[in-house]
Amino acid sequence: MAKTQTSKPAMRIKFKSYDLRMLDATVAKVMAVLIKSWAKIKWPIMLPKRRKMYTVLKAPFVYKDAREQFERITYSRMIDIEKLGEKTIEYLNNVQIPVGVMVDLPR
């Protein structure tokens, strides 16, 4: 049997944020820029969300049963760019990314 070869993407962009609406708006903005630059892309891949739970005692000394719980959810998206367009990098440098969104470009 012949093995199918999977090509490695030319660029992979990962986005992380605590705010889902801000993350989706940023990914949509970047996707519009990529489509404008004629880059061959895979649509945004939704990565699993990460939940971090924190438990804090309400009382400083006794009453261990009185606790309060907090959670922090991190949402993630990923875009694979299979083929770069002529001005893709130039257009990506001009995109305004909000403060609450982290962008990771692994090399």
Protein backbone atom coordinates (compact mmCIF):
# COMPACT_ATOMS: atom_id res chain seq x y z
CA MET A 1 0.00 0.00 0.00
CA ALA A 2 1.16 3.46 -0.81
CA LYS A 3 1.48 5.89 2.05
CA THR A 4 -0.08 9.30 1.68
CA GLN A 5 2.33 12.10 2.32
CA THR A 6 1.17 14.97 4.45
CA SER A 7 2.88 18.19 3.55
CA LYS A 8 4.20 20.33 6.36
CA PRO A 9 2.56 23.77 6.42
CA ALA A 10 4.66 26.75 5.37
CA MET A 11 3.53 28.65 8.47
CA ARG A 12 1.40 27.85 11.51
CA ILE A 13 -0.18 30.60 13.59
CA LYS A 14 -1.61 29.85 17.05
CA PHE A 15 -3.89 32.21 18.93
CA LYS A 16 -4.71 32.06 22.66
CA SER A 17 -7.05 34.21 24.71
CA TYR A 18 -9.26 34.22 27.81
CA ASP A 19 -12.02 36.06 25.90
CA LEU A 20 -13.71 33.98 23.20
CA ARG A 21 -15.30 36.91 21.32
CA MET A 22 -12.01 38.80 21.09
CA LEU A 23 -10.25 35.65 19.89
CA ASP A 24 -12.82 34.94 17.16
CA ALA A 25 -12.73 38.56 15.98
CA THR A 26 -8.93 38.47 15.74
CA VAL A 27 -8.92 35.15 13.86
CA ALA A 28 -11.54 36.52 11.43
CA LYS A 29 -9.41 39.62 10.85
CA VAL A 30 -6.30 37.52 10.14
CA MET A 31 -8.28 35.17 7.87
CA ALA A 32 -9.52 38.15 5.84
CA VAL A 33 -5.94 39.35 5.40
CA LEU A 34 -4.78 35.87 4.35
CA ILE A 35 -7.58 35.54 1.80
CA LYS A 36 -6.75 39.01 0.48
CA SER A 37 -3.11 38.02 -0.04
CA TRP A 38 -4.04 34.84 -1.98
CA ALA A 39 -2.42 32.51 0.55
CA LYS A 40 -3.52 28.88 0.48
CA ILE A 41 -4.83 28.16 3.98
CA LYS A 42 -6.71 25.66 6.07
CA TRP A 43 -9.63 27.17 7.96
CA PRO A 44 -9.16 27.90 11.66
CA ILE A 45 -8.77 24.76 13.72
CA MET A 46 -10.41 24.93 17.13
CA LEU A 47 -8.03 23.53 19.72
CA PRO A 48 -9.30 22.19 23.06
CA LYS A 49 -9.92 24.75 25.75
CA ARG A 50 -7.78 24.61 28.88
CA ARG A 51 -9.46 24.94 32.27
CA LYS A 52 -7.47 25.87 35.36
CA MET A 53 -9.32 25.60 38.68
CA TYR A 54 -8.30 27.51 41.81
CA THR A 55 -9.68 26.80 45.30
CA VAL A 56 -9.26 29.44 48.00
CA LEU A 57 -10.15 29.23 51.69
CA LYS A 58 -12.58 31.96 52.73
CA ALA A 59 -11.44 31.95 56.37
CA PRO A 60 -7.77 32.50 57.27
CA PHE A 61 -7.53 30.05 60.19
CA VAL A 62 -10.41 27.64 60.75
CA TYR A 63 -13.58 26.72 58.79
CA LYS A 64 -11.86 24.63 56.18
CA ASP A 65 -15.25 23.76 54.69
CA ALA A 66 -15.79 27.38 53.63
CA ARG A 67 -14.06 27.52 50.27
CA GLU A 68 -14.45 29.49 47.10
CA GLN A 69 -13.61 28.19 43.63
CA PHE A 70 -12.49 30.11 40.57
CA GLU A 71 -11.69 28.91 37.06
CA ARG A 72 -9.71 30.34 34.20
CA ILE A 73 -10.47 29.10 30.69
CA THR A 74 -7.98 29.55 27.85
CA TYR A 75 -9.39 29.30 24.32
CA SER A 76 -7.12 28.44 21.39
CA ARG A 77 -7.29 28.55 17.59
CA MET A 78 -4.76 27.57 14.95
CA ILE A 79 -4.38 28.49 11.27
CA ASP A 80 -2.19 26.46 8.92
CA ILE A 81 -0.88 28.36 5.91
CA GLU A 82 0.07 25.82 3.24
CA LYS A 83 1.35 28.28 0.64
CA LEU A 84 2.29 31.90 1.19
CA GLY A 85 1.09 34.56 -1.21
CA GLU A 86 3.29 37.32 -2.60
CA LYS A 87 2.57 39.87 0.12
CA THR A 88 1.30 37.63 2.93
CA ILE A 89 4.05 38.46 5.44
CA GLU A 90 3.75 42.19 4.71
CA TYR A 91 -0.02 42.11 5.27
CA LEU A 92 0.31 40.06 8.47
CA ASN A 93 2.75 42.58 9.93
CA ASN A 94 0.16 45.35 9.48
CA VAL A 95 -2.68 43.54 11.32
CA GLN A 96 -3.59 45.12 14.65
CA ILE A 97 -3.84 42.37 17.30
CA PRO A 98 -5.73 43.26 20.53
CA VAL A 99 -3.91 43.19 23.85
CA GLY A 100 -5.92 40.21 25.18
CA VAL A 101 -4.87 37.83 22.38
CA MET A 102 -1.53 36.03 22.34
CA VAL A 103 -0.11 35.10 18.93
CA ASP A 104 2.48 32.34 18.62
CA LEU A 105 4.53 31.81 15.46
CA PRO A 106 6.72 28.75 16.08
CA ARG A 107 9.75 28.56 13.87
